[in-house]
Amino acid sequence: MDEDGAYATFEENIEGSIAPGKLADFAVLRKDPRKVAPDAIKDIVVDATYMGGQRVWQAAPNAKVALHLHSDAVFGDGNEEENLMHDHQ
């Protein structure tokens, strides 16, 4: 949630920015996406993700590649049941 969203829901004291004592959802990236070529952003390794200020996932220390999706992957087609079945194949 951004600062405006947190303010709109009266939660600016607990979320909306990364600061001591606030909840935070964010990802730790290996490289700064503002400093790589646009076509290289997809290759940036995600080192960790945090939800509510707690680490919920961490890459192996020797991770070398970003997550790459299959070229036939389809998202947002509205058929959640089919998508879930595909995830478990």
N, C-alpha and C. Protein backbone atom coordinates (compact mmCIF):
# COMPACT_ATOMS: atom_id res chain seq x y z
N MET A 1 0.85 -1.17 0.00
CA MET A 1 0.00 0.00 0.00
C MET A 1 0.90 1.23 0.00
N ASP A 2 0.56 2.22 -0.79
CA ASP A 2 1.33 3.45 -0.79
C ASP A 2 0.81 4.41 0.27
N GLU A 3 1.49 5.52 0.44
CA GLU A 3 1.11 6.48 1.48
C GLU A 3 -0.32 7.00 1.29
N ASP A 4 -0.70 7.28 0.04
CA ASP A 4 -2.05 7.80 -0.21
C ASP A 4 -3.11 6.75 0.15
N GLY A 5 -2.85 5.49 -0.24
CA GLY A 5 -3.79 4.42 0.08
C GLY A 5 -3.92 4.22 1.58
N ALA A 6 -2.79 4.27 2.29
CA ALA A 6 -2.81 4.12 3.75
C ALA A 6 -3.57 5.28 4.39
N TYR A 7 -3.37 6.48 3.89
CA TYR A 7 -4.08 7.65 4.42
C TYR A 7 -5.57 7.53 4.18
N ALA A 8 -5.94 7.05 2.99
CA ALA A 8 -7.36 6.93 2.64
C ALA A 8 -8.09 5.94 3.54
N THR A 9 -7.37 4.96 4.06
CA THR A 9 -7.99 3.96 4.93
C THR A 9 -7.64 4.18 6.40
N PHE A 10 -7.11 5.37 6.71
CA PHE A 10 -6.76 5.75 8.08
C PHE A 10 -5.73 4.81 8.70
N GLU A 11 -4.81 4.28 7.86
CA GLU A 11 -3.79 3.35 8.35
C GLU A 11 -2.37 3.91 8.18
N GLU A 12 -2.25 5.23 7.98
CA GLU A 12 -0.94 5.81 7.73
C GLU A 12 0.03 5.67 8.90
N ASN A 13 -0.50 5.38 10.11
CA ASN A 13 0.38 5.19 11.26
C ASN A 13 1.00 3.80 11.32
N ILE A 14 0.44 2.85 10.54
CA ILE A 14 0.96 1.48 10.59
C ILE A 14 1.47 0.96 9.26
N GLU A 15 1.14 1.63 8.14
CA GLU A 15 1.62 1.19 6.84
C GLU A 15 1.64 2.35 5.86
N GLY A 16 2.11 2.09 4.64
CA GLY A 16 2.14 3.12 3.61
C GLY A 16 3.53 3.61 3.29
N SER A 17 4.48 3.31 4.17
CA SER A 17 5.88 3.66 3.93
C SER A 17 6.75 2.70 4.73
N ILE A 18 8.00 2.62 4.35
CA ILE A 18 8.92 1.76 5.09
C ILE A 18 9.58 2.62 6.16
N ALA A 19 9.22 2.35 7.40
CA ALA A 19 9.73 3.10 8.54
C ALA A 19 9.65 2.21 9.78
N PRO A 20 10.50 2.47 10.77
CA PRO A 20 10.45 1.66 12.00
C PRO A 20 9.05 1.62 12.61
N GLY A 21 8.62 0.42 12.97
CA GLY A 21 7.32 0.25 13.61
C GLY A 21 6.15 0.09 12.66
N LYS A 22 6.38 0.23 11.36
CA LYS A 22 5.30 0.09 10.38
C LYS A 22 5.37 -1.28 9.71
N LEU A 23 4.21 -1.76 9.27
CA LEU A 23 4.15 -2.98 8.48
C LEU A 23 4.70 -2.66 7.09
N ALA A 24 5.28 -3.65 6.44
CA ALA A 24 5.84 -3.39 5.12
C ALA A 24 5.76 -4.63 4.24
N ASP A 25 5.36 -4.44 3.00
CA ASP A 25 5.41 -5.48 1.97
C ASP A 25 6.38 -4.97 0.91
N PHE A 26 7.45 -5.71 0.69
CA PHE A 26 8.43 -5.27 -0.30
C PHE A 26 9.29 -6.44 -0.73
N ALA A 27 10.02 -6.23 -1.81
CA ALA A 27 10.95 -7.22 -2.34
C ALA A 27 12.35 -6.64 -2.32
N VAL A 28 13.34 -7.49 -2.06
CA VAL A 28 14.74 -7.10 -2.10
C VAL A 28 15.29 -7.62 -3.42
N LEU A 29 15.72 -6.70 -4.27
CA LEU A 29 16.23 -7.05 -5.59
C LEU A 29 17.75 -7.02 -5.60
N ARG A 30 18.35 -7.88 -6.40
CA ARG A 30 19.81 -7.95 -6.49
C ARG A 30 20.39 -6.70 -7.14
N LYS A 31 19.67 -6.12 -8.09
CA LYS A 31 20.13 -4.91 -8.78
C LYS A 31 19.04 -3.86 -8.75
N ASP A 32 19.45 -2.62 -8.90
CA ASP A 32 18.51 -1.49 -8.95
C ASP A 32 17.89 -1.44 -10.34
N PRO A 33 16.57 -1.67 -10.46
CA PRO A 33 15.94 -1.66 -11.79
C PRO A 33 16.02 -0.32 -12.50
N ARG A 34 16.32 0.74 -11.77
CA ARG A 34 16.46 2.05 -12.41
C ARG A 34 17.82 2.21 -13.07
N LYS A 35 18.73 1.26 -12.79
CA LYS A 35 20.09 1.40 -13.30
C LYS A 35 20.48 0.31 -14.29
N VAL A 36 19.50 -0.44 -14.76
CA VAL A 36 19.78 -1.46 -15.79
C VAL A 36 18.96 -1.13 -17.03
N ALA A 37 19.36 -1.70 -18.13
CA ALA A 37 18.62 -1.48 -19.38
C ALA A 37 17.20 -2.03 -19.22
N PRO A 38 16.20 -1.38 -19.82
CA PRO A 38 14.82 -1.84 -19.68
C PRO A 38 14.62 -3.31 -20.00
N ASP A 39 15.32 -3.83 -21.01
CA ASP A 39 15.14 -5.23 -21.36
C ASP A 39 15.85 -6.18 -20.40
N ALA A 40 16.63 -5.66 -19.44
CA ALA A 40 17.32 -6.49 -18.45
C ALA A 40 16.58 -6.55 -17.12
N ILE A 41 15.53 -5.75 -16.96
CA ILE A 41 14.79 -5.75 -15.69
C ILE A 41 14.26 -7.13 -15.37
N LYS A 42 13.79 -7.84 -16.37
CA LYS A 42 13.21 -9.17 -16.16
C LYS A 42 14.24 -10.16 -15.63
N ASP A 43 15.52 -9.86 -15.77
CA ASP A 43 16.57 -10.77 -15.34
C ASP A 43 17.10 -10.49 -13.94
N ILE A 44 16.57 -9.47 -13.28
CA ILE A 44 17.03 -9.14 -11.94
C ILE A 44 16.56 -10.23 -10.96
N VAL A 45 17.49 -10.72 -10.18
CA VAL A 45 17.18 -11.75 -9.19
C VAL A 45 16.46 -11.11 -7.99
N VAL A 46 15.38 -11.74 -7.56
CA VAL A 46 14.69 -11.33 -6.34
C VAL A 46 15.33 -12.11 -5.20
N ASP A 47 16.00 -11.41 -4.29
CA ASP A 47 16.69 -12.08 -3.19
C ASP A 47 15.76 -12.44 -2.05
N ALA A 48 14.72 -11.64 -1.80
CA ALA A 48 13.80 -11.94 -0.70
C ALA A 48 12.51 -11.14 -0.89
N THR A 49 11.43 -11.64 -0.29
CA THR A 49 10.18 -10.89 -0.24
C THR A 49 9.72 -10.83 1.22
N TYR A 50 9.11 -9.71 1.56
CA TYR A 50 8.63 -9.47 2.92
C TYR A 50 7.16 -9.08 2.87
N MET A 51 6.39 -9.58 3.82
CA MET A 51 4.98 -9.19 3.97
C MET A 51 4.77 -8.83 5.43
N GLY A 52 4.16 -7.69 5.66
CA GLY A 52 3.95 -7.25 7.03
C GLY A 52 5.24 -7.11 7.80
N GLY A 53 6.32 -6.82 7.09
CA GLY A 53 7.61 -6.65 7.73
C GLY A 53 8.33 -7.94 8.04
N GLN A 54 7.74 -9.09 7.70
CA GLN A 54 8.35 -10.39 7.97
C GLN A 54 8.81 -11.04 6.67
N ARG A 55 10.02 -11.59 6.67
CA ARG A 55 10.50 -12.28 5.47
C ARG A 55 9.68 -13.55 5.27
N VAL A 56 9.12 -13.68 4.07
CA VAL A 56 8.31 -14.86 3.75
C VAL A 56 8.97 -15.74 2.68
N TRP A 57 10.01 -15.23 2.05
CA TRP A 57 10.73 -16.03 1.05
C TRP A 57 12.11 -15.46 0.88
N GLN A 58 13.09 -16.36 0.66
CA GLN A 58 14.46 -15.92 0.41
C GLN A 58 15.08 -16.84 -0.63
N ALA A 59 15.78 -16.24 -1.57
CA ALA A 59 16.48 -17.00 -2.60
C ALA A 59 17.71 -17.65 -2.00
N ALA A 60 18.16 -18.72 -2.63
CA ALA A 60 19.42 -19.33 -2.23
C ALA A 60 20.53 -18.31 -2.43
N PRO A 61 21.54 -18.33 -1.58
CA PRO A 61 22.63 -17.33 -1.68
C PRO A 61 23.31 -17.32 -3.05
N ASN A 62 23.31 -18.46 -3.72
CA ASN A 62 23.98 -18.54 -5.03
C ASN A 62 23.01 -18.40 -6.20
N ALA A 63 21.80 -17.91 -5.96
CA ALA A 63 20.81 -17.74 -7.03
C ALA A 63 21.41 -16.85 -8.11
N LYS A 64 21.25 -17.27 -9.35
CA LYS A 64 21.86 -16.53 -10.46
C LYS A 64 20.87 -16.02 -11.48
N VAL A 65 19.64 -16.53 -11.46
CA VAL A 65 18.68 -16.11 -12.47
C VAL A 65 17.37 -15.68 -11.81
N ALA A 66 16.69 -14.83 -12.51
CA ALA A 66 15.36 -14.41 -12.07
C ALA A 66 14.36 -15.48 -12.47
N LEU A 67 13.16 -15.38 -11.96
CA LEU A 67 12.09 -16.30 -12.34
C LEU A 67 11.70 -16.04 -13.78
N HIS A 68 11.73 -17.07 -14.59
CA HIS A 68 11.31 -16.93 -15.99
C HIS A 68 10.08 -17.79 -16.21
N LEU A 69 9.07 -17.21 -16.80
CA LEU A 69 7.83 -17.91 -17.08
C LEU A 69 7.92 -18.59 -18.43
N HIS A 70 7.19 -19.68 -18.57
CA HIS A 70 7.10 -20.33 -19.87
C HIS A 70 6.42 -19.40 -20.85
N SER A 71 6.84 -19.44 -22.07
CA SER A 71 6.28 -18.54 -23.08
C SER A 71 4.80 -18.79 -23.32
N ASP A 72 4.29 -19.98 -22.97
CA ASP A 72 2.87 -20.27 -23.17
C ASP A 72 2.03 -19.98 -21.93
N ALA A 73 2.63 -19.39 -20.90
CA ALA A 73 1.90 -19.08 -19.67
C ALA A 73 0.83 -18.02 -19.95
N VAL A 74 -0.35 -18.22 -19.40
CA VAL A 74 -1.45 -17.28 -19.56
C VAL A 74 -1.93 -16.88 -18.17
N PHE A 75 -2.06 -15.59 -17.95
CA PHE A 75 -2.50 -15.10 -16.66
C PHE A 75 -3.66 -14.14 -16.85
N GLY A 76 -4.53 -14.06 -15.89
CA GLY A 76 -5.61 -13.09 -15.93
C GLY A 76 -6.70 -13.41 -16.92
N ASP A 77 -6.88 -14.70 -17.25
CA ASP A 77 -7.90 -15.05 -18.23
C ASP A 77 -9.26 -15.27 -17.58
N GLY A 78 -9.34 -15.14 -16.26
CA GLY A 78 -10.61 -15.25 -15.57
C GLY A 78 -11.03 -16.66 -15.19
N ASN A 79 -10.29 -17.67 -15.61
CA ASN A 79 -10.65 -19.05 -15.28
C ASN A 79 -9.74 -19.54 -14.16
N GLU A 80 -10.04 -19.13 -12.93
CA GLU A 80 -9.20 -19.44 -11.79
C GLU A 80 -9.06 -20.95 -11.57
N GLU A 81 -10.15 -21.70 -11.74
CA GLU A 81 -10.08 -23.15 -11.54
C GLU A 81 -9.07 -23.78 -12.50
N GLU A 82 -9.12 -23.40 -13.76
CA GLU A 82 -8.18 -23.94 -14.74
C GLU A 82 -6.75 -23.52 -14.40
N ASN A 83 -6.58 -22.27 -13.96
CA ASN A 83 -5.25 -21.79 -13.62
C ASN A 83 -4.69 -22.57 -12.44
N LEU A 84 -5.49 -22.83 -11.44
CA LEU A 84 -5.04 -23.60 -10.28
C LEU A 84 -4.68 -25.02 -10.68
N MET A 85 -5.46 -25.65 -11.55
CA MET A 85 -5.16 -26.99 -12.02
C MET A 85 -3.82 -26.98 -12.76
N HIS A 86 -3.58 -25.95 -13.57
CA HIS A 86 -2.32 -25.85 -14.32
C HIS A 86 -1.14 -25.73 -13.37
N ASP A 87 -1.31 -25.01 -12.25
CA ASP A 87 -0.23 -24.82 -11.29
C ASP A 87 0.21 -26.14 -10.67
N HIS A 88 -0.71 -27.12 -10.57
CA HIS A 88 -0.39 -28.37 -9.90
C HIS A 88 -0.01 -29.49 -10.87
N GLN A 89 0.16 -29.16 -12.14
CA GLN A 89 0.55 -30.18 -13.12
C GLN A 89 2.03 -30.46 -13.04
